[in-house]
Amino acid sequence: MAGFSAFLATLNGILWHDYVLYAIICTGIVFTVWSGFCQYRALTHGPAVLRGVYDDPNDPGAINHFQALSAALSATVGLGNIGGVALAIALGGPGAVFWMWVIGLLGMSIKLTEVTLSMLYRNTDDPDNPHGGPMWVAHNALEKKGMAGLGRTIGVIFCITLLISTATGGNMFQAWNVGELTQAYFNVPSWISGVVLAVLVGAVIIGGIKRIGKVAGTLVPFMVVLYLGSGLYVLSVNFGDIPNIFALIVRSAFAPTEATGAFIGGTAASAFLFGLKRAVFSNEAGQGSSPIAHSAAKTDEPVREGIVAGLEPFIDTVVVCTFTALIILSTGIWNRAPDVALDKLPTAVKTEAGWQFSQTRAPGNDWLIDDRVMLIVKGDANDTTGNALHRVEGVIEAVADGFVVNWTPVVSAQMPSTIDGGMYRNYVGATLTAKAFDSVTPGLGKWMISIAAWLFAISTMISWSYYGEQGIVYLAGDKSVLPYKLVYCLLIVIATLGIIKTDADLDNITGVGTAVMLFANIPICWLFGNQAMKAYKDYVAKLKSGRMGPDHPPPHLDDLLSGRDVQK
């Protein structure tokens, strides 16, 4: 497992090179300026489209604008918002939140561009079951230019990256977080959660995009209101700290953050890196995934759905992720004092695997086998933190008279020394967010985050299953769908069997899945983005001149949520 973790870390270092990050930001800036700051149009015109005043049952597609956005949001508003933000802060510090905001706003223009392109080139041979996404953009656009072979090749490459991301971030990341959280709070073995998730997700995805749209249209509004409502309560308790937290976020984005408690420190570069990675993973701008869901929308105006899609990064990153960040930072759970005092700190002995710390007695009896803990040690220079501090992961093991910790070896040129102060329970991802809620009202995180995590995970996995399904259909045809769905559900269970151990592993796995899609999709946006921008400006011109207006009064809310307003 150590070799696999090292491989993932090396691969992430390549895929997330600084130049890749600059390319994402540059893409967002270019399309923002090129479109004349389309973020404004998304925030003003987008809600009117969502309300259904433009919905037409006779347009090609399967679901209405609201359901399409809900299906896409169900893939983005999820454990990336609960666990991903926690990872960003734990690894990059408060400054990571600032860079999440930046990519959230710039991502609105990227999302609008990639969805508009997918709507322009979607396959509507079967109007009730359209196919769309970057693979169809490359395929159809290049076929028109007499380069069908190249278009097919690019489409295949994109679909392969899509399936990688589907398996990692869209599936295993979600299942692992839910399994860990449920085990931590309810002593339910993680694999049992995996089996339950697989059954629930399987029951939904068998029904295809229409069932996914209906479930998402009901589930997403409910879970967002539930999460934000609970978050407002936590923030009201710490309301006086909020101005200082915003100042800390901005300050830490451009200057190193010192080590305090459980946080071992971070540089401005690490804040930028982890903030950008988690934001891209959370809102999926540039990945090319959500255009697949939006391509199912009923409309004869491609740009209209692109404008709706521009709302995704704002809702996901600027609103929901900010709530999570403020909760974690205001409660101090991210830089808390040691959770467990140790009478005797472990010593390290040089071995072939590295410096091995001695097995350590874990005080108390409130442990579960395989619970994770950590020590903070001083060793070689750490480029990520800007100091010499490192975290050493440990796993709880039961012995005849209690519990002990077995520590992971540390690779260091010099002997690492332990920092006096004890050890920490290693709250990874969603569990850290839950503990932030618990610190305000004991039990709140246990129930609220557990419920939210299950809902968020299910909604994300059903949408990502559809993304992967469209990729496998492009690669192998409709006959491949059933085997794909079976494998997808099996991966849910596999993710909860203990193959992922630490937040670094978690970050690396999702980082690989996100990055490979960016490498495939961003070039497609650059190649054909001029077509999206031309269509967008034509649409806005018609809107401004009054040649386009609402077609009818807004439908009843029940009809909008269920999709009956577009049923013939």
Protein backbone atom coordinates (compact mmCIF):
# COMPACT_ATOMS: atom_id res chain seq x y z
CA MET A 1 0.00 0.00 0.00
CA ALA A 2 2.90 2.35 0.71
CA GLY A 3 4.17 1.83 -2.84
CA PHE A 4 0.72 2.58 -4.27
CA SER A 5 0.49 5.77 -2.19
CA ALA A 6 3.93 6.85 -3.41
CA PHE A 7 2.91 6.20 -7.02
CA LEU A 8 -0.25 8.30 -6.60
CA ALA A 9 1.72 11.12 -5.03
CA THR A 10 4.25 11.11 -7.90
CA LEU A 11 1.52 11.01 -10.54
CA ASN A 12 -0.29 13.90 -8.85
CA GLY A 13 2.89 15.92 -8.84
CA ILE A 14 3.05 15.53 -12.62
CA LEU A 15 -0.63 16.06 -13.37
CA TRP A 16 -0.93 19.05 -11.05
CA HIS A 17 2.19 20.89 -12.12
CA ASP A 18 2.02 24.65 -11.61
CA TYR A 19 1.61 25.18 -15.35
CA VAL A 20 -1.56 23.07 -15.31
CA LEU A 21 -3.01 25.31 -12.61
CA TYR A 22 -2.06 28.42 -14.55
CA ALA A 23 -3.76 26.98 -17.64
CA ILE A 24 -7.04 26.52 -15.75
CA ILE A 25 -6.99 30.06 -14.40
CA CYS A 26 -5.97 31.46 -17.78
CA THR A 27 -8.87 29.61 -19.43
CA GLY A 28 -11.33 31.09 -16.94
CA ILE A 29 -9.96 34.60 -17.39
CA VAL A 30 -10.04 34.37 -21.20
CA PHE A 31 -13.65 33.19 -21.37
CA THR A 32 -14.70 35.69 -18.69
CA VAL A 33 -13.31 38.62 -20.65
CA TRP A 34 -14.29 37.21 -24.05
CA SER A 35 -17.92 36.80 -22.98
CA GLY A 36 -18.09 40.25 -21.40
CA PHE A 37 -18.29 38.83 -17.87
CA CYS A 38 -20.96 36.21 -18.43
CA GLN A 39 -21.13 35.67 -14.67
CA TYR A 40 -23.54 38.62 -14.51
CA ARG A 41 -25.84 37.08 -17.11
CA ALA A 42 -25.79 33.72 -15.33
CA LEU A 43 -26.78 35.32 -12.01
CA THR A 44 -29.56 37.49 -13.50
CA HIS A 45 -31.01 35.60 -16.47
CA GLY A 46 -30.24 32.09 -15.19
CA PRO A 47 -32.84 32.09 -12.36
CA ALA A 48 -35.60 33.09 -14.81
CA VAL A 49 -34.73 30.17 -17.06
CA LEU A 50 -34.70 27.83 -14.06
CA ARG A 51 -38.16 28.99 -13.03
CA GLY A 52 -39.48 27.36 -16.18
CA VAL A 53 -40.77 30.37 -18.15
CA TYR A 54 -38.81 29.18 -21.20
CA ASP A 55 -39.59 25.45 -20.89
CA ASP A 56 -41.27 23.95 -23.96
CA PRO A 57 -42.43 20.30 -24.15
CA ASN A 58 -41.87 20.30 -27.90
CA ASP A 59 -38.14 21.05 -27.65
CA PRO A 60 -35.69 18.14 -27.98
CA GLY A 61 -34.50 16.67 -24.69
CA ALA A 62 -35.65 14.58 -21.75
CA ILE A 63 -35.77 16.88 -18.68
CA ASN A 64 -36.40 20.55 -17.91
CA HIS A 65 -33.76 23.18 -17.12
CA PHE A 66 -34.27 22.87 -13.37
CA GLN A 67 -33.86 19.11 -13.41
CA ALA A 68 -30.77 19.36 -15.61
CA LEU A 69 -29.16 21.82 -13.19
CA SER A 70 -30.21 19.65 -10.24
CA ALA A 71 -28.70 16.55 -11.85
CA ALA A 72 -25.45 18.43 -12.48
CA LEU A 73 -25.47 19.98 -9.00
CA SER A 74 -26.13 16.60 -7.42
CA ALA A 75 -22.76 15.59 -8.85
CA THR A 76 -21.00 18.73 -7.63
CA VAL A 77 -22.77 19.68 -4.39
CA GLY A 78 -21.71 16.71 -2.35
CA LEU A 79 -18.88 15.41 -0.25
CA GLY A 80 -16.55 17.68 -2.18
CA ASN A 81 -18.25 20.47 -0.27
CA ILE A 82 -18.16 18.70 3.10
CA GLY A 83 -15.02 16.59 2.88
CA GLY A 84 -13.16 18.39 0.08
CA VAL A 85 -13.14 21.77 1.84
CA ALA A 86 -11.94 20.07 5.01
CA LEU A 87 -9.10 18.49 3.02
CA ALA A 88 -8.16 21.84 1.47
CA ILE A 89 -7.94 23.53 4.86
CA ALA A 90 -6.19 20.60 6.58
CA LEU A 91 -3.52 20.46 3.87
CA GLY A 92 -3.32 24.05 2.58
CA GLY A 93 -4.60 26.18 5.44
CA PRO A 94 -7.26 28.93 5.43
CA GLY A 95 -5.78 30.58 2.32
CA ALA A 96 -6.99 27.63 0.23
CA VAL A 97 -10.54 28.97 0.61
CA PHE A 98 -9.63 32.20 -1.20
CA TRP A 99 -8.40 30.29 -4.22
CA MET A 100 -11.56 28.21 -4.14
CA TRP A 101 -13.52 31.46 -4.52
CA VAL A 102 -11.36 32.53 -7.43
CA ILE A 103 -11.80 29.31 -9.37
CA GLY A 104 -15.50 29.30 -8.45
CA LEU A 105 -16.06 32.67 -10.15
CA LEU A 106 -13.79 31.95 -13.11
CA GLY A 107 -15.32 28.49 -13.37
CA MET A 108 -18.69 30.07 -14.17
CA SER A 109 -17.34 31.17 -17.57
CA ILE A 110 -15.66 27.81 -18.22
CA LYS A 111 -18.85 25.96 -17.35
CA LEU A 112 -20.94 28.19 -19.61
CA THR A 113 -18.54 27.61 -22.49
CA GLU A 114 -18.27 23.83 -22.21
CA VAL A 115 -22.02 23.33 -21.74
CA THR A 116 -22.89 25.63 -24.65
CA LEU A 117 -20.52 23.63 -26.85
CA SER A 118 -22.10 20.35 -25.78
CA MET A 119 -25.57 21.71 -26.50
CA LEU A 120 -24.44 22.86 -29.96
CA TYR A 121 -23.13 19.41 -30.85
CA ARG A 122 -25.33 17.04 -28.85
CA ASN A 123 -26.82 14.01 -30.56
CA THR A 124 -30.63 14.32 -30.65
CA ASP A 125 -31.41 11.46 -33.05
CA ASP A 126 -33.64 10.21 -30.24
CA PRO A 127 -35.15 13.51 -28.93
CA ASP A 128 -36.19 11.85 -25.65
CA ASN A 129 -32.74 10.39 -25.00
CA PRO A 130 -30.11 12.87 -26.22
CA HIS A 131 -26.37 12.24 -25.92
CA GLY A 132 -23.93 15.04 -25.29
CA GLY A 133 -20.61 16.00 -23.79
CA PRO A 134 -17.10 16.93 -24.91
CA MET A 135 -16.70 13.60 -26.74
CA TRP A 136 -19.56 14.55 -29.05
CA VAL A 137 -18.18 18.08 -29.45
CA ALA A 138 -14.83 16.75 -30.67
CA HIS A 139 -16.47 14.00 -32.73
CA ASN A 140 -19.10 16.08 -34.55
CA ALA A 141 -17.11 19.32 -34.89
CA LEU A 142 -14.07 17.64 -36.44
CA GLU A 143 -16.23 15.37 -38.58
CA LYS A 144 -17.69 18.49 -40.20
CA LYS A 145 -14.12 19.56 -41.02
CA GLY A 146 -13.35 16.21 -42.65
CA MET A 147 -11.34 14.87 -39.69
CA ALA A 148 -13.72 12.23 -38.38
CA GLY A 149 -10.88 9.90 -37.31
CA LEU A 150 -9.23 12.59 -35.20
CA GLY A 151 -12.59 13.53 -33.68
CA ARG A 152 -13.26 9.92 -32.73
CA THR A 153 -9.78 9.58 -31.21
CA ILE A 154 -10.20 12.69 -29.05
CA GLY A 155 -13.66 11.50 -28.05
CA VAL A 156 -12.28 8.13 -26.96
CA ILE A 157 -9.48 9.77 -24.96
CA PHE A 158 -11.99 11.98 -23.17
CA CYS A 159 -14.26 9.04 -22.36
CA ILE A 160 -11.36 7.07 -20.88
CA THR A 161 -10.51 10.00 -18.59
CA LEU A 162 -14.22 10.36 -17.80
CA LEU A 163 -14.39 6.74 -16.63
CA ILE A 164 -11.27 7.20 -14.48
CA SER A 165 -12.81 10.22 -12.77
CA THR A 166 -16.16 8.44 -12.46
CA ALA A 167 -14.51 5.56 -10.62
CA THR A 168 -12.40 7.76 -8.30
CA GLY A 169 -13.94 11.13 -7.44
CA GLY A 170 -17.50 10.40 -8.54
CA ASN A 171 -17.72 7.05 -6.80
CA MET A 172 -14.94 5.84 -4.48
CA PHE A 173 -14.30 9.24 -2.84
CA GLN A 174 -18.00 9.47 -1.93
CA ALA A 175 -18.33 5.91 -0.65
CA TRP A 176 -15.12 6.06 1.38
CA ASN A 177 -16.13 9.28 3.14
CA VAL A 178 -19.56 7.92 4.04
CA GLY A 179 -18.08 4.64 5.26
CA GLU A 180 -15.49 6.40 7.43
CA LEU A 181 -18.01 8.83 8.88
CA THR A 182 -20.57 6.14 9.67
CA GLN A 183 -17.95 3.92 11.30
CA ALA A 184 -16.58 6.81 13.36
CA TYR A 185 -19.98 7.82 14.74
CA PHE A 186 -22.06 4.64 14.78
CA ASN A 187 -19.46 1.83 14.99
CA VAL A 188 -20.85 0.36 11.78
CA PRO A 189 -18.10 -1.31 9.74
CA SER A 190 -17.37 0.74 6.65
CA TRP A 191 -18.09 -2.10 4.21
CA ILE A 192 -21.70 -2.36 5.43
CA SER A 193 -22.23 1.27 4.44
CA GLY A 194 -20.72 0.40 1.07
CA VAL A 195 -23.21 -2.40 0.50
CA VAL A 196 -26.18 -0.19 1.46
CA LEU A 197 -24.95 2.62 -0.80
CA ALA A 198 -24.51 0.21 -3.69
CA VAL A 199 -28.10 -1.05 -3.35
CA LEU A 200 -29.59 2.46 -3.09
CA VAL A 201 -27.58 3.86 -5.99
CA GLY A 202 -28.30 0.81 -8.12
CA ALA A 203 -32.05 1.20 -7.56
CA VAL A 204 -31.93 4.75 -8.97
CA ILE A 205 -29.51 4.43 -11.88
CA ILE A 206 -31.41 1.52 -13.42
CA GLY A 207 -34.15 4.04 -14.34
CA GLY A 208 -31.86 6.21 -16.51
CA ILE A 209 -31.67 10.00 -16.80
CA LYS A 210 -35.39 10.65 -16.27
CA ARG A 211 -35.37 8.87 -12.89
CA ILE A 212 -32.06 10.51 -12.00
CA GLY A 213 -33.53 13.92 -12.92
CA LYS A 214 -36.61 13.36 -10.76
CA VAL A 215 -34.60 12.14 -7.75
CA ALA A 216 -32.07 14.96 -8.10
CA GLY A 217 -34.79 17.59 -8.54
CA THR A 218 -36.24 16.57 -5.18
CA LEU A 219 -33.08 15.64 -3.29
CA VAL A 220 -30.75 18.54 -4.16
CA PRO A 221 -32.95 21.43 -2.90
CA PHE A 222 -33.75 19.51 0.29
CA MET A 223 -30.16 18.63 1.15
CA VAL A 224 -28.81 22.11 0.35
CA VAL A 225 -31.44 23.76 2.59
CA LEU A 226 -30.73 21.22 5.35
CA TYR A 227 -26.99 21.79 5.21
CA LEU A 228 -27.10 25.58 4.94
CA GLY A 229 -29.71 25.83 7.69
CA SER A 230 -27.57 23.84 10.12
CA GLY A 231 -24.52 25.80 9.05
CA LEU A 232 -26.25 29.11 9.80
CA TYR A 233 -26.90 27.90 13.33
CA VAL A 234 -23.22 27.05 13.88
CA LEU A 235 -22.12 30.38 12.42
CA SER A 236 -24.58 32.29 14.58
CA VAL A 237 -22.85 30.89 17.67
CA ASN A 238 -19.49 32.17 16.38
CA PHE A 239 -20.86 35.21 14.55
CA GLY A 240 -18.39 37.64 16.09
CA ASP A 241 -15.42 35.70 14.68
CA ILE A 242 -16.57 35.79 11.05
CA PRO A 243 -14.91 39.14 10.05
CA ASN A 244 -11.58 37.92 11.44
CA ILE A 245 -11.98 34.61 9.59
CA PHE A 246 -12.47 36.36 6.25
CA ALA A 247 -9.36 38.43 6.99
CA LEU A 248 -7.44 35.23 7.85
CA ILE A 249 -8.54 33.61 4.57
CA VAL A 250 -7.36 36.53 2.46
CA ARG A 251 -4.12 36.99 4.41
CA SER A 252 -3.25 33.29 4.27
CA ALA A 253 -3.78 33.20 0.50
CA PHE A 254 -0.70 35.37 -0.01
CA ALA A 255 1.48 34.62 3.02
CA PRO A 256 2.58 31.50 4.93
CA THR A 257 0.29 30.22 7.68
CA GLU A 258 2.09 29.28 10.86
CA ALA A 259 1.74 25.88 12.49
CA THR A 260 -0.76 25.79 15.34
CA GLY A 261 -2.14 22.71 17.04
CA ALA A 262 -3.23 20.07 14.54
CA PHE A 263 -2.28 22.27 11.55
CA ILE A 264 1.40 21.85 10.73
CA GLY A 265 1.67 25.01 8.64
CA GLY A 266 1.33 25.94 5.00
CA THR A 267 2.85 28.22 2.38
CA ALA A 268 0.95 30.53 0.04
CA ALA A 269 1.83 28.09 -2.75
CA SER A 270 0.26 25.17 -0.88
CA ALA A 271 -2.88 27.22 -0.23
CA PHE A 272 -3.08 27.97 -3.96
CA LEU A 273 -2.50 24.33 -4.93
CA PHE A 274 -4.96 22.68 -2.56
CA GLY A 275 -7.58 25.41 -2.93
CA LEU A 276 -7.55 25.13 -6.70
CA LYS A 277 -7.56 21.31 -6.70
CA ARG A 278 -10.44 21.03 -4.28
CA ALA A 279 -12.46 23.77 -6.05
CA VAL A 280 -12.01 22.13 -9.45
CA PHE A 281 -12.95 18.77 -7.94
CA SER A 282 -15.96 20.30 -6.20
CA ASN A 283 -17.50 22.36 -9.02
CA GLU A 284 -16.01 20.34 -11.93
CA ALA A 285 -15.42 23.45 -14.07
CA GLY A 286 -13.21 22.40 -16.98
CA GLN A 287 -13.68 18.68 -16.41
CA GLY A 288 -16.40 18.36 -19.02
CA SER A 289 -18.59 16.18 -16.82
CA SER A 290 -21.67 18.30 -16.15
CA PRO A 291 -22.22 19.11 -19.88
CA ILE A 292 -23.30 15.46 -20.14
CA ALA A 293 -26.20 16.08 -17.74
CA HIS A 294 -27.09 19.46 -19.23
CA SER A 295 -27.23 17.91 -22.71
CA ALA A 296 -30.41 16.11 -21.63
CA ALA A 297 -32.27 19.41 -21.12
CA LYS A 298 -35.31 20.24 -23.25
CA THR A 299 -34.41 23.38 -25.19
CA ASP A 300 -33.81 24.63 -28.71
CA GLU A 301 -31.45 27.37 -27.48
CA PRO A 302 -28.00 25.88 -26.67
CA VAL A 303 -26.78 29.03 -24.91
CA ARG A 304 -29.77 29.08 -22.57
CA GLU A 305 -28.61 25.86 -20.93
CA GLY A 306 -25.05 27.19 -20.87
CA ILE A 307 -26.22 30.19 -18.86
CA VAL A 308 -28.03 27.91 -16.42
CA ALA A 309 -24.86 25.85 -16.06
CA GLY A 310 -22.93 28.99 -15.15
CA LEU A 311 -24.80 29.01 -11.85
CA GLU A 312 -23.23 25.70 -10.79
CA PRO A 313 -19.80 26.91 -9.63
CA PHE A 314 -21.39 29.87 -7.84
CA ILE A 315 -23.83 27.71 -5.88
CA ASP A 316 -21.32 24.94 -5.28
CA THR A 317 -18.13 26.83 -4.47
CA VAL A 318 -18.94 30.43 -3.61
CA VAL A 319 -21.98 29.54 -1.46
CA VAL A 320 -21.85 25.97 -0.13
CA CYS A 321 -18.07 25.55 0.13
CA THR A 322 -17.77 28.91 1.89
CA PHE A 323 -20.28 27.77 4.50
CA THR A 324 -18.22 24.67 5.20
CA ALA A 325 -15.00 26.66 5.39
CA LEU A 326 -16.45 29.22 7.82
CA ILE A 327 -17.78 26.43 10.05
CA ILE A 328 -14.41 24.65 10.18
CA LEU A 329 -12.41 27.83 10.75
CA SER A 330 -14.78 29.48 13.24
CA THR A 331 -14.89 26.41 15.49
CA GLY A 332 -11.09 25.99 15.52
CA ILE A 333 -11.30 22.28 14.76
CA TRP A 334 -8.65 22.63 12.04
CA ASN A 335 -5.92 23.79 14.47
CA ARG A 336 -7.19 22.20 17.68
CA ALA A 337 -5.00 21.19 20.61
CA PRO A 338 -3.95 17.53 20.95
CA ASP A 339 -6.93 15.23 21.43
CA VAL A 340 -5.08 12.64 23.49
CA ALA A 341 -2.36 13.23 26.08
CA LEU A 342 0.50 10.74 26.10
CA ASP A 343 2.46 9.88 29.23
CA LYS A 344 5.41 8.86 27.08
CA LEU A 345 6.12 10.01 23.53
CA PRO A 346 7.33 7.29 21.11
CA THR A 347 10.94 7.09 19.98
CA ALA A 348 12.16 6.40 16.45
CA VAL A 349 14.58 3.69 15.28
CA LYS A 350 16.19 3.62 11.83
CA THR A 351 14.93 0.75 9.63
CA GLU A 352 15.02 -0.12 5.94
CA ALA A 353 11.52 1.34 5.53
CA GLY A 354 12.51 4.59 7.29
CA TRP A 355 12.36 5.85 10.86
CA GLN A 356 10.02 3.55 12.77
CA PHE A 357 8.36 4.94 15.89
CA SER A 358 7.80 2.53 18.74
CA GLN A 359 4.37 1.07 19.39
CA THR A 360 2.51 3.44 21.70
CA ARG A 361 -0.08 2.84 24.39
CA ALA A 362 -3.38 4.60 23.48
CA PRO A 363 -4.96 5.97 26.70
CA GLY A 364 -8.61 5.14 27.39
CA ASN A 365 -10.93 2.52 25.98
CA ASP A 366 -13.09 4.52 23.55
CA TRP A 367 -11.21 3.26 20.50
CA LEU A 368 -12.17 1.15 17.53
CA ILE A 369 -9.73 -1.16 15.78
CA ASP A 370 -8.27 0.67 12.74
CA ASP A 371 -9.10 4.14 14.13
CA ARG A 372 -6.59 6.64 12.76
CA VAL A 373 -4.42 8.97 14.82
CA MET A 374 -1.40 11.16 14.11
CA LEU A 375 1.70 12.66 15.68
CA ILE A 376 3.44 15.87 14.69
CA VAL A 377 7.20 15.48 14.34
CA LYS A 378 10.13 17.65 13.32
CA GLY A 379 12.44 16.33 10.59
CA ASP A 380 13.63 17.32 7.11
CA ALA A 381 12.46 20.54 5.49
CA ASN A 382 8.84 20.33 4.30
CA ASP A 383 8.24 22.36 1.14
CA THR A 384 4.47 22.24 1.58
CA THR A 385 4.48 23.72 5.06
CA GLY A 386 7.52 25.98 4.78
CA ASN A 387 8.94 24.47 7.97
CA ALA A 388 10.31 21.13 9.19
CA LEU A 389 7.07 19.70 10.58
CA HIS A 390 5.46 16.48 9.36
CA ARG A 391 2.48 14.35 10.30
CA VAL A 392 3.00 10.69 11.18
CA GLU A 393 -0.04 8.50 10.67
CA GLY A 394 -0.95 5.79 13.17
CA VAL A 395 -3.54 3.00 13.36
CA ILE A 396 -5.18 1.67 16.54
CA GLU A 397 -4.78 -2.01 17.34
CA ALA A 398 -6.34 -3.94 20.20
CA VAL A 399 -4.13 -5.85 22.66
CA ALA A 400 -4.93 -7.97 25.69
CA ASP A 401 -5.11 -5.05 28.13
CA GLY A 402 -6.25 -2.15 25.95
CA PHE A 403 -5.19 -0.43 22.74
CA VAL A 404 -1.90 0.51 21.10
CA VAL A 405 -0.88 2.60 18.09
CA ASN A 406 1.25 1.24 15.26
CA TRP A 407 2.94 4.11 13.42
CA THR A 408 3.75 4.45 9.72
CA PRO A 409 7.52 4.69 9.04
CA VAL A 410 8.89 8.16 8.27
CA VAL A 411 11.35 8.69 5.41
CA SER A 412 13.81 11.35 6.56
CA ALA A 413 17.54 11.98 6.29
CA GLN A 414 17.70 13.07 9.90
CA MET A 415 16.08 11.43 12.87
CA PRO A 416 12.57 12.91 13.33
CA SER A 417 11.82 14.16 16.82
CA THR A 418 8.37 14.13 18.40
CA ILE A 419 6.70 17.35 19.49
CA ASP A 420 5.63 17.42 23.12
CA GLY A 421 1.85 17.68 23.38
CA GLY A 422 0.34 14.30 22.65
CA MET A 423 -1.41 12.87 19.62
CA TYR A 424 -4.44 13.75 17.56
CA ARG A 425 -7.36 11.76 16.33
CA ASN A 426 -6.99 11.91 12.57
CA TYR A 427 -10.25 13.42 11.36
CA VAL A 428 -10.18 13.05 7.59
CA GLY A 429 -12.47 14.77 5.10
CA ALA A 430 -16.14 14.84 6.09
CA THR A 431 -15.34 13.64 9.62
CA LEU A 432 -13.44 16.88 10.32
CA THR A 433 -16.46 18.92 9.25
CA ALA A 434 -18.73 16.80 11.44
CA LYS A 435 -16.47 17.40 14.44
CA ALA A 436 -16.72 21.15 13.77
CA PHE A 437 -20.51 20.91 14.15
CA ASP A 438 -20.12 18.75 17.25
CA SER A 439 -17.86 21.34 18.88
CA VAL A 440 -20.82 23.77 18.95
CA THR A 441 -23.57 21.32 19.90
CA PRO A 442 -22.51 17.78 20.79
CA GLY A 443 -24.28 15.32 18.54
CA LEU A 444 -25.16 17.87 15.85
CA GLY A 445 -22.35 16.76 13.56
CA LYS A 446 -23.05 13.12 14.28
CA TRP A 447 -26.60 13.35 12.94
CA MET A 448 -26.64 16.33 10.59
CA ILE A 449 -23.39 15.60 8.77
CA SER A 450 -24.13 11.88 8.69
CA ILE A 451 -27.52 12.50 7.07
CA ALA A 452 -26.10 15.14 4.72
CA ALA A 453 -23.14 12.94 3.80
CA TRP A 454 -25.40 10.04 2.87
CA LEU A 455 -27.70 12.26 0.82
CA PHE A 456 -24.83 14.11 -0.84
CA ALA A 457 -22.99 10.89 -1.63
CA ILE A 458 -26.03 9.20 -3.13
CA SER A 459 -26.91 12.22 -5.26
CA THR A 460 -23.33 12.58 -6.48
CA MET A 461 -22.93 8.92 -7.29
CA ILE A 462 -26.19 8.68 -9.27
CA SER A 463 -25.22 11.64 -11.44
CA TRP A 464 -21.67 10.42 -11.96
CA SER A 465 -23.00 7.00 -12.88
CA TYR A 466 -24.88 8.69 -15.72
CA TYR A 467 -21.71 10.52 -16.82
CA GLY A 468 -19.79 7.28 -16.94
CA GLU A 469 -22.70 5.57 -18.69
CA GLN A 470 -22.62 8.13 -21.49
CA GLY A 471 -18.88 7.59 -21.80
CA ILE A 472 -19.24 3.81 -22.04
CA VAL A 473 -22.07 4.19 -24.58
CA TYR A 474 -19.80 6.31 -26.76
CA LEU A 475 -17.00 3.74 -26.46
CA ALA A 476 -18.90 0.46 -26.71
CA GLY A 477 -22.58 1.08 -27.46
CA ASP A 478 -25.80 0.53 -25.49
CA LYS A 479 -25.10 -3.16 -24.77
CA SER A 480 -22.27 -2.15 -22.42
CA VAL A 481 -24.56 -0.19 -20.06
CA LEU A 482 -25.72 -3.04 -17.79
CA PRO A 483 -22.20 -4.47 -17.17
CA TYR A 484 -20.99 -0.92 -16.54
CA LYS A 485 -23.69 -0.30 -13.90
CA LEU A 486 -22.82 -3.55 -12.13
CA VAL A 487 -19.12 -2.64 -12.01
CA TYR A 488 -19.99 0.87 -10.83
CA CYS A 489 -21.97 -0.49 -7.87
CA LEU A 490 -19.20 -2.99 -7.07
CA LEU A 491 -16.66 -0.15 -6.85
CA ILE A 492 -18.78 1.46 -4.15
CA VAL A 493 -18.25 -1.58 -1.95
CA ILE A 494 -14.54 -1.90 -2.83
CA ALA A 495 -13.91 1.71 -1.75
CA THR A 496 -15.10 0.89 1.77
CA LEU A 497 -12.83 -2.12 2.30
CA GLY A 498 -9.90 -0.14 3.71
CA ILE A 499 -7.70 0.45 0.65
CA ILE A 500 -7.69 4.22 1.36
CA LYS A 501 -5.99 5.07 4.64
CA THR A 502 -5.14 8.79 4.91
CA ASP A 503 -6.29 12.20 3.71
CA ALA A 504 -3.17 12.35 1.51
CA ASP A 505 -4.27 9.13 -0.24
CA LEU A 506 -7.76 10.56 -0.58
CA ASP A 507 -6.46 13.79 -2.08
CA ASN A 508 -4.19 11.90 -4.48
CA ILE A 509 -6.90 9.55 -5.74
CA THR A 510 -9.41 12.30 -6.46
CA GLY A 511 -6.63 14.52 -7.80
CA VAL A 512 -5.72 11.95 -10.46
CA GLY A 513 -9.34 11.54 -11.54
CA THR A 514 -9.89 15.28 -11.83
CA ALA A 515 -6.62 16.06 -13.58
CA VAL A 516 -6.89 13.50 -16.37
CA MET A 517 -10.26 14.94 -17.39
CA LEU A 518 -8.87 18.47 -17.42
CA PHE A 519 -6.09 17.37 -19.76
CA ALA A 520 -8.69 16.02 -22.17
CA ASN A 521 -11.38 18.70 -21.92
CA ILE A 522 -9.56 22.05 -21.64
CA PRO A 523 -8.01 21.65 -25.15
CA ILE A 524 -11.50 20.97 -26.53
CA CYS A 525 -12.72 24.23 -24.97
CA TRP A 526 -9.84 26.13 -26.54
CA LEU A 527 -10.29 24.51 -29.95
CA PHE A 528 -14.00 25.27 -30.27
CA GLY A 529 -14.59 27.99 -27.68
CA ASN A 530 -15.00 30.65 -30.36
CA GLN A 531 -18.21 28.92 -31.46
CA ALA A 532 -19.61 29.04 -27.93
CA MET A 533 -18.69 32.71 -27.56
CA LYS A 534 -20.32 33.62 -30.89
CA ALA A 535 -23.51 31.76 -29.95
CA TYR A 536 -23.51 33.40 -26.50
CA LYS A 537 -23.20 36.92 -27.86
CA ASP A 538 -25.94 36.29 -30.43
CA TYR A 539 -28.23 35.02 -27.68
CA VAL A 540 -27.56 38.01 -25.41
CA ALA A 541 -28.15 40.41 -28.32
CA LYS A 542 -31.57 38.84 -28.93
CA LEU A 543 -32.32 39.03 -25.22
CA LYS A 544 -31.36 42.69 -24.97
CA SER A 545 -33.32 43.68 -28.08
CA GLY A 546 -36.51 42.11 -26.82
CA ARG A 547 -36.62 39.51 -29.58
CA MET A 548 -36.63 36.82 -26.92
CA GLY A 549 -38.77 36.75 -23.83
CA PRO A 550 -40.57 34.35 -21.51
CA ASP A 551 -42.88 32.06 -23.49
CA HIS A 552 -45.44 31.60 -20.71
CA PRO A 553 -46.00 32.20 -17.00
CA PRO A 554 -43.93 30.07 -14.63
CA PRO A 555 -45.36 26.58 -14.06
CA HIS A 556 -46.57 25.36 -10.70
CA LEU A 557 -43.65 24.47 -8.46
CA ASP A 558 -44.72 20.82 -8.21
CA ASP A 559 -44.76 20.55 -12.00
CA LEU A 560 -41.32 22.14 -12.20
CA LEU A 561 -39.75 19.83 -9.62
CA SER A 562 -41.29 16.71 -11.15
CA GLY A 563 -40.68 17.71 -14.77
CA ARG A 564 -44.36 17.54 -15.67
CA ASP A 565 -44.14 21.01 -17.21
CA VAL A 566 -42.20 19.56 -20.17
CA GLN A 567 -44.13 16.33 -20.55
CA LYS A 568 -46.18 16.07 -23.74
